[in-house]
Amino acid sequence: MAHVLLSNITHESESSATSATALTMVLSAIQECSKWVASFLNTLSQETGWAFTVLMGGPDPEKPGGDITVFRYDFHA
């Protein structure tokens, strides 16, 4: 979903208000994804005693040109 929203930001036919709304939605989705992953993997780690690592990344909607940003999350009991 974030990829679709991000690609919509760059279309010249969109108004700046629509682009700002799309940007806000993409940023919110990225932040919520991080919270969801952290909560889910923390629970799994506590329940199983296993360690988990998640690597995710993509174009950063806050950086000019959509530079790639990468996040890594490590969870262990």
PDB file of N, CA and C in Angstrom:
ATOM      1  N   MET A   1       0.823  -1.188   0.000  1.00  0.00           N
ATOM      2  CA  MET A   1       0.000   0.000   0.000  1.00  0.00           C
ATOM      3  C   MET A   1       0.866   1.251   0.000  1.00  0.00           C
ATOM      4  N   ALA A   2       1.917   1.263   0.809  1.00  0.00           N
ATOM      5  CA  ALA A   2       2.775   2.434   0.878  1.00  0.00           C
ATOM      6  C   ALA A   2       3.430   2.706  -0.471  1.00  0.00           C
ATOM      7  N   HIS A   3       3.802   1.642  -1.203  1.00  0.00           N
ATOM      8  CA  HIS A   3       4.418   1.826  -2.513  1.00  0.00           C
ATOM      9  C   HIS A   3       3.457   2.538  -3.458  1.00  0.00           C
ATOM     10  N   VAL A   4       2.214   2.137  -3.461  1.00  0.00           N
ATOM     11  CA  VAL A   4       1.215   2.769  -4.325  1.00  0.00           C
ATOM     12  C   VAL A   4       1.031   4.218  -3.943  1.00  0.00           C
ATOM     13  N   LEU A   5       0.935   4.492  -2.645  1.00  0.00           N
ATOM     14  CA  LEU A   5       0.760   5.867  -2.198  1.00  0.00           C
ATOM     15  C   LEU A   5       1.977   6.716  -2.544  1.00  0.00           C
ATOM     16  N   LEU A   6       3.171   6.155  -2.368  1.00  0.00           N
ATOM     17  CA  LEU A   6       4.387   6.897  -2.669  1.00  0.00           C
ATOM     18  C   LEU A   6       4.474   7.229  -4.150  1.00  0.00           C
ATOM     19  N   SER A   7       4.109   6.293  -5.017  1.00  0.00           N
ATOM     20  CA  SER A   7       4.170   6.573  -6.447  1.00  0.00           C
ATOM     21  C   SER A   7       3.149   7.635  -6.824  1.00  0.00           C
ATOM     22  N   ASN A   8       2.051   7.699  -6.113  1.00  0.00           N
ATOM     23  CA  ASN A   8       1.047   8.729  -6.388  1.00  0.00           C
ATOM     24  C   ASN A   8       1.543  10.122  -6.040  1.00  0.00           C
ATOM     25  N   ILE A   9       2.453  10.236  -5.107  1.00  0.00           N
ATOM     26  CA  ILE A   9       2.964  11.538  -4.693  1.00  0.00           C
ATOM     27  C   ILE A   9       3.689  12.231  -5.840  1.00  0.00           C
ATOM     28  N   THR A  10       4.341  11.484  -6.691  1.00  0.00           N
ATOM     29  CA  THR A  10       5.184  12.070  -7.714  1.00  0.00           C
ATOM     30  C   THR A  10       4.429  12.469  -8.977  1.00  0.00           C
ATOM     31  N   HIS A  11       3.146  12.122  -9.113  1.00  0.00           N
ATOM     32  CA  HIS A  11       2.404  12.511 -10.300  1.00  0.00           C
ATOM     33  C   HIS A  11       2.159  14.018 -10.311  1.00  0.00           C
ATOM     34  N   GLU A  12       2.539  14.654 -11.403  1.00  0.00           N
ATOM     35  CA  GLU A  12       2.426  16.100 -11.508  1.00  0.00           C
ATOM     36  C   GLU A  12       0.987  16.585 -11.530  1.00  0.00           C
ATOM     37  N   SER A  13       0.054  15.732 -11.908  1.00  0.00           N
ATOM     38  CA  SER A  13      -1.332  16.157 -12.026  1.00  0.00           C
ATOM     39  C   SER A  13      -2.011  16.328 -10.670  1.00  0.00           C
ATOM     40  N   GLU A  14      -1.400  15.857  -9.612  1.00  0.00           N
ATOM     41  CA  GLU A  14      -1.998  15.978  -8.295  1.00  0.00           C
ATOM     42  C   GLU A  14      -1.770  17.374  -7.728  1.00  0.00           C
ATOM     43  N   SER A  15      -2.732  17.836  -6.954  1.00  0.00           N
ATOM     44  CA  SER A  15      -2.563  19.118  -6.284  1.00  0.00           C
ATOM     45  C   SER A  15      -1.600  18.941  -5.124  1.00  0.00           C
ATOM     46  N   SER A  16      -1.033  20.038  -4.644  1.00  0.00           N
ATOM     47  CA  SER A  16      -0.088  19.939  -3.532  1.00  0.00           C
ATOM     48  C   SER A  16      -0.796  19.488  -2.260  1.00  0.00           C
ATOM     49  N   ALA A  17      -2.078  19.827  -2.092  1.00  0.00           N
ATOM     50  CA  ALA A  17      -2.826  19.374  -0.915  1.00  0.00           C
ATOM     51  C   ALA A  17      -2.995  17.857  -0.953  1.00  0.00           C
ATOM     52  N   THR A  18      -3.308  17.320  -2.128  1.00  0.00           N
ATOM     53  CA  THR A  18      -3.446  15.876  -2.271  1.00  0.00           C
ATOM     54  C   THR A  18      -2.113  15.193  -2.047  1.00  0.00           C
ATOM     55  N   SER A  19      -1.041  15.775  -2.566  1.00  0.00           N
ATOM     56  CA  SER A  19       0.296  15.208  -2.374  1.00  0.00           C
ATOM     57  C   SER A  19       0.676  15.210  -0.898  1.00  0.00           C
ATOM     58  N   ALA A  20       0.355  16.289  -0.194  1.00  0.00           N
ATOM     59  CA  ALA A  20       0.661  16.368   1.231  1.00  0.00           C
ATOM     60  C   ALA A  20      -0.125  15.310   1.995  1.00  0.00           C
ATOM     61  N   THR A  21      -1.372  15.095   1.619  1.00  0.00           N
ATOM     62  CA  THR A  21      -2.186  14.076   2.273  1.00  0.00           C
ATOM     63  C   THR A  21      -1.615  12.689   2.005  1.00  0.00           C
ATOM     64  N   ALA A  22      -1.217  12.417   0.765  1.00  0.00           N
ATOM     65  CA  ALA A  22      -0.625  11.123   0.416  1.00  0.00           C
ATOM     66  C   ALA A  22       0.680  10.913   1.175  1.00  0.00           C
ATOM     67  N   LEU A  23       1.506  11.947   1.270  1.00  0.00           N
ATOM     68  CA  LEU A  23       2.765  11.860   2.004  1.00  0.00           C
ATOM     69  C   LEU A  23       2.494  11.529   3.469  1.00  0.00           C
ATOM     70  N   THR A  24       1.524  12.183   4.064  1.00  0.00           N
ATOM     71  CA  THR A  24       1.163  11.922   5.452  1.00  0.00           C
ATOM     72  C   THR A  24       0.715  10.478   5.631  1.00  0.00           C
ATOM     73  N   MET A  25      -0.054   9.974   4.681  1.00  0.00           N
ATOM     74  CA  MET A  25      -0.530   8.589   4.754  1.00  0.00           C
ATOM     75  C   MET A  25       0.633   7.599   4.659  1.00  0.00           C
ATOM     76  N   VAL A  26       1.577   7.875   3.778  1.00  0.00           N
ATOM     77  CA  VAL A  26       2.738   6.987   3.623  1.00  0.00           C
ATOM     78  C   VAL A  26       3.577   6.994   4.899  1.00  0.00           C
ATOM     79  N   LEU A  27       3.846   8.168   5.439  1.00  0.00           N
ATOM     80  CA  LEU A  27       4.641   8.258   6.669  1.00  0.00           C
ATOM     81  C   LEU A  27       3.944   7.543   7.820  1.00  0.00           C
ATOM     82  N   SER A  28       2.642   7.709   7.919  1.00  0.00           N
ATOM     83  CA  SER A  28       1.869   7.044   8.962  1.00  0.00           C
ATOM     84  C   SER A  28       1.946   5.521   8.806  1.00  0.00           C
ATOM     85  N   ALA A  29       1.830   5.039   7.572  1.00  0.00           N
ATOM     86  CA  ALA A  29       1.901   3.595   7.318  1.00  0.00           C
ATOM     87  C   ALA A  29       3.271   3.040   7.703  1.00  0.00           C
ATOM     88  N   ILE A  30       4.327   3.784   7.404  1.00  0.00           N
ATOM     89  CA  ILE A  30       5.684   3.346   7.754  1.00  0.00           C
ATOM     90  C   ILE A  30       5.838   3.287   9.271  1.00  0.00           C
ATOM     91  N   GLN A  31       5.359   4.308   9.965  1.00  0.00           N
ATOM     92  CA  GLN A  31       5.456   4.332  11.420  1.00  0.00           C
ATOM     93  C   GLN A  31       4.623   3.225  12.056  1.00  0.00           C
ATOM     94  N   GLU A  32       3.434   3.011  11.559  1.00  0.00           N
ATOM     95  CA  GLU A  32       2.576   1.953  12.097  1.00  0.00           C
ATOM     96  C   GLU A  32       3.173   0.575  11.824  1.00  0.00           C
ATOM     97  N   CYS A  33       3.778   0.408  10.673  1.00  0.00           N
ATOM     98  CA  CYS A  33       4.418  -0.874  10.342  1.00  0.00           C
ATOM     99  C   CYS A  33       5.498  -1.189  11.364  1.00  0.00           C
ATOM    100  N   SER A  34       6.307  -0.207  11.694  1.00  0.00           N
ATOM    101  CA  SER A  34       7.378  -0.407  12.667  1.00  0.00           C
ATOM    102  C   SER A  34       6.814  -0.815  14.022  1.00  0.00           C
ATOM    103  N   LYS A  35       5.748  -0.169  14.457  1.00  0.00           N
ATOM    104  CA  LYS A  35       5.129  -0.494  15.748  1.00  0.00           C
ATOM    105  C   LYS A  35       4.554  -1.905  15.731  1.00  0.00           C
ATOM    106  N   TRP A  36       3.883  -2.264  14.633  1.00  0.00           N
ATOM    107  CA  TRP A  36       3.268  -3.576  14.526  1.00  0.00           C
ATOM    108  C   TRP A  36       4.332  -4.667  14.542  1.00  0.00           C
ATOM    109  N   VAL A  37       5.387  -4.480  13.767  1.00  0.00           N
ATOM    110  CA  VAL A  37       6.468  -5.474  13.702  1.00  0.00           C
ATOM    111  C   VAL A  37       7.114  -5.630  15.072  1.00  0.00           C
ATOM    112  N   ALA A  38       7.381  -4.527  15.740  1.00  0.00           N
ATOM    113  CA  ALA A  38       8.008  -4.582  17.065  1.00  0.00           C
ATOM    114  C   ALA A  38       7.130  -5.341  18.054  1.00  0.00           C
ATOM    115  N   SER A  39       5.863  -5.037  18.073  1.00  0.00           N
ATOM    116  CA  SER A  39       4.940  -5.700  18.997  1.00  0.00           C
ATOM    117  C   SER A  39       4.836  -7.197  18.703  1.00  0.00           C
ATOM    118  N   PHE A  40       4.661  -7.526  17.445  1.00  0.00           N
ATOM    119  CA  PHE A  40       4.515  -8.923  17.024  1.00  0.00           C
ATOM    120  C   PHE A  40       5.756  -9.743  17.352  1.00  0.00           C
ATOM    121  N   LEU A  41       6.924  -9.246  16.966  1.00  0.00           N
ATOM    122  CA  LEU A  41       8.145 -10.018  17.175  1.00  0.00           C
ATOM    123  C   LEU A  41       8.559 -10.066  18.642  1.00  0.00           C
ATOM    124  N   ASN A  42       8.264  -9.022  19.383  1.00  0.00           N
ATOM    125  CA  ASN A  42       8.541  -9.045  20.816  1.00  0.00           C
ATOM    126  C   ASN A  42       7.721 -10.149  21.487  1.00  0.00           C
ATOM    127  N   THR A  43       6.451 -10.259  21.115  1.00  0.00           N
ATOM    128  CA  THR A  43       5.591 -11.313  21.658  1.00  0.00           C
ATOM    129  C   THR A  43       6.109 -12.692  21.272  1.00  0.00           C
ATOM    130  N   LEU A  44       6.453 -12.863  19.996  1.00  0.00           N
ATOM    131  CA  LEU A  44       6.993 -14.152  19.552  1.00  0.00           C
ATOM    132  C   LEU A  44       8.273 -14.519  20.298  1.00  0.00           C
ATOM    133  N   SER A  45       9.133 -13.550  20.491  1.00  0.00           N
ATOM    134  CA  SER A  45      10.390 -13.783  21.188  1.00  0.00           C
ATOM    135  C   SER A  45      10.142 -14.220  22.629  1.00  0.00           C
ATOM    136  N   GLN A  46       9.223 -13.547  23.300  1.00  0.00           N
ATOM    137  CA  GLN A  46       8.897 -13.908  24.681  1.00  0.00           C
ATOM    138  C   GLN A  46       8.262 -15.297  24.767  1.00  0.00           C
ATOM    139  N   GLU A  47       7.418 -15.630  23.812  1.00  0.00           N
ATOM    140  CA  GLU A  47       6.712 -16.916  23.828  1.00  0.00           C
ATOM    141  C   GLU A  47       7.608 -18.093  23.447  1.00  0.00           C
ATOM    142  N   THR A  48       8.558 -17.874  22.568  1.00  0.00           N
ATOM    143  CA  THR A  48       9.366 -18.978  22.041  1.00  0.00           C
ATOM    144  C   THR A  48      10.788 -19.027  22.588  1.00  0.00           C
ATOM    145  N   GLY A  49      11.273 -17.890  23.077  1.00  0.00           N
ATOM    146  CA  GLY A  49      12.668 -17.816  23.489  1.00  0.00           C
ATOM    147  C   GLY A  49      13.617 -17.644  22.314  1.00  0.00           C
ATOM    148  N   TRP A  50      13.058 -17.531  21.128  1.00  0.00           N
ATOM    149  CA  TRP A  50      13.870 -17.360  19.922  1.00  0.00           C
ATOM    150  C   TRP A  50      14.228 -15.891  19.723  1.00  0.00           C
ATOM    151  N   ALA A  51      15.245 -15.675  18.910  1.00  0.00           N
ATOM    152  CA  ALA A  51      15.620 -14.331  18.490  1.00  0.00           C
ATOM    153  C   ALA A  51      15.110 -14.114  17.071  1.00  0.00           C
ATOM    154  N   PHE A  52      14.710 -12.890  16.766  1.00  0.00           N
ATOM    155  CA  PHE A  52      14.204 -12.541  15.444  1.00  0.00           C
ATOM    156  C   PHE A  52      14.872 -11.268  14.962  1.00  0.00           C
ATOM    157  N   THR A  53      15.140 -11.228  13.676  1.00  0.00           N
ATOM    158  CA  THR A  53      15.659 -10.025  13.031  1.00  0.00           C
ATOM    159  C   THR A  53      14.825  -9.757  11.787  1.00  0.00           C
ATOM    160  N   VAL A  54      14.423  -8.510  11.641  1.00  0.00           N
ATOM    161  CA  VAL A  54      13.665  -8.098  10.458  1.00  0.00           C
ATOM    162  C   VAL A  54      14.414  -6.937   9.817  1.00  0.00           C
ATOM    163  N   LEU A  55      14.592  -7.032   8.520  1.00  0.00           N
ATOM    164  CA  LEU A  55      15.210  -5.966   7.741  1.00  0.00           C
ATOM    165  C   LEU A  55      14.173  -5.478   6.742  1.00  0.00           C
ATOM    166  N   MET A  56      13.911  -4.181   6.745  1.00  0.00           N
ATOM    167  CA  MET A  56      12.949  -3.628   5.791  1.00  0.00           C
ATOM    168  C   MET A  56      13.444  -2.269   5.347  1.00  0.00           C
ATOM    169  N   GLY A  57      13.067  -1.903   4.134  1.00  0.00           N
ATOM    170  CA  GLY A  57      13.510  -0.621   3.621  1.00  0.00           C
ATOM    171  C   GLY A  57      12.801  -0.266   2.341  1.00  0.00           C
ATOM    172  N   GLY A  58      13.017   0.946   1.920  1.00  0.00           N
ATOM    173  CA  GLY A  58      12.408   1.433   0.698  1.00  0.00           C
ATOM    174  C   GLY A  58      12.616   2.932   0.560  1.00  0.00           C
ATOM    175  N   PRO A  59      11.983   3.515  -0.442  1.00  0.00           N
ATOM    176  CA  PRO A  59      12.141   4.955  -0.664  1.00  0.00           C
ATOM    177  C   PRO A  59      11.574   5.752   0.508  1.00  0.00           C
ATOM    178  N   ASP A  60      12.356   6.698   0.988  1.00  0.00           N
ATOM    179  CA  ASP A  60      11.938   7.544   2.108  1.00  0.00           C
ATOM    180  C   ASP A  60      11.180   8.752   1.559  1.00  0.00           C
ATOM    181  N   PRO A  61       9.891   8.857   1.867  1.00  0.00           N
ATOM    182  CA  PRO A  61       9.100   9.959   1.312  1.00  0.00           C
ATOM    183  C   PRO A  61       9.507  11.333   1.833  1.00  0.00           C
ATOM    184  N   GLU A  62      10.317  11.381   2.880  1.00  0.00           N
ATOM    185  CA  GLU A  62      10.762  12.668   3.410  1.00  0.00           C
ATOM    186  C   GLU A  62      12.076  13.143   2.800  1.00  0.00           C
ATOM    187  N   LYS A  63      12.731  12.287   2.027  1.00  0.00           N
ATOM    188  CA  LYS A  63      14.014  12.656   1.435  1.00  0.00           C
ATOM    189  C   LYS A  63      13.831  12.965  -0.045  1.00  0.00           C
ATOM    190  N   PRO A  64      14.509  14.008  -0.525  1.00  0.00           N
ATOM    191  CA  PRO A  64      14.418  14.340  -1.951  1.00  0.00           C
ATOM    192  C   PRO A  64      14.886  13.172  -2.808  1.00  0.00           C
ATOM    193  N   GLY A  65      14.137  12.884  -3.841  1.00  0.00           N
ATOM    194  CA  GLY A  65      14.506  11.805  -4.740  1.00  0.00           C
ATOM    195  C   GLY A  65      14.152  10.433  -4.209  1.00  0.00           C
ATOM    196  N   GLY A  66      13.538  10.368  -3.026  1.00  0.00           N
ATOM    197  CA  GLY A  66      13.137   9.077  -2.472  1.00  0.00           C
ATOM    198  C   GLY A  66      14.308   8.185  -2.125  1.00  0.00           C
ATOM    199  N   ASP A  67      15.381   8.776  -1.562  1.00  0.00           N
ATOM    200  CA  ASP A  67      16.532   7.967  -1.140  1.00  0.00           C
ATOM    201  C   ASP A  67      16.061   6.785  -0.300  1.00  0.00           C
ATOM    202  N   ILE A  68      16.778   5.698  -0.397  1.00  0.00           N
ATOM    203  CA  ILE A  68      16.411   4.476   0.309  1.00  0.00           C
ATOM    204  C   ILE A  68      16.782   4.585   1.792  1.00  0.00           C
ATOM    205  N   THR A  69      15.846   4.215   2.637  1.00  0.00           N
ATOM    206  CA  THR A  69      16.068   4.136   4.075  1.00  0.00           C
ATOM    207  C   THR A  69      15.841   2.686   4.490  1.00  0.00           C
ATOM    208  N   VAL A  70      16.698   2.190   5.383  1.00  0.00           N
ATOM    209  CA  VAL A  70      16.607   0.800   5.823  1.00  0.00           C
ATOM    210  C   VAL A  70      16.485   0.787   7.348  1.00  0.00           C
ATOM    211  N   PHE A  71      15.613  -0.094   7.840  1.00  0.00           N
ATOM    212  CA  PHE A  71      15.439  -0.296   9.270  1.00  0.00           C
ATOM    213  C   PHE A  71      15.741  -1.758   9.594  1.00  0.00           C
ATOM    214  N   ARG A  72      16.390  -1.972  10.724  1.00  0.00           N
ATOM    215  CA  ARG A  72      16.625  -3.324  11.205  1.00  0.00           C
ATOM    216  C   ARG A  72      16.134  -3.420  12.637  1.00  0.00           C
ATOM    217  N   TYR A  73      15.371  -4.461  12.908  1.00  0.00           N
ATOM    218  CA  TYR A  73      14.841  -4.696  14.233  1.00  0.00           C
ATOM    219  C   TYR A  73      15.336  -6.040  14.730  1.00  0.00           C
ATOM    220  N   ASP A  74      15.919  -6.063  15.928  1.00  0.00           N
ATOM    221  CA  ASP A  74      16.391  -7.294  16.546  1.00  0.00           C
ATOM    222  C   ASP A  74      15.602  -7.514  17.827  1.00  0.00           C
ATOM    223  N   PHE A  75      15.095  -8.727  17.997  1.00  0.00           N
ATOM    224  CA  PHE A  75      14.333  -9.077  19.179  1.00  0.00           C
ATOM    225  C   PHE A  75      14.839 -10.392  19.731  1.00  0.00           C
ATOM    226  N   HIS A  76      15.070 -10.435  21.030  1.00  0.00           N
ATOM    227  CA  HIS A  76      15.449 -11.683  21.670  1.00  0.00           C
ATOM    228  C   HIS A  76      14.953 -11.657  23.109  1.00  0.00           C
ATOM    229  N   ALA A  77      14.639 -12.860  23.594  1.00  0.00           N
ATOM    230  CA  ALA A  77      14.074 -12.992  24.947  1.00  0.00           C
ATOM    231  C   ALA A  77      15.146 -12.775  25.997  1.00  0.00           C
TER     232      ALA A  77
END
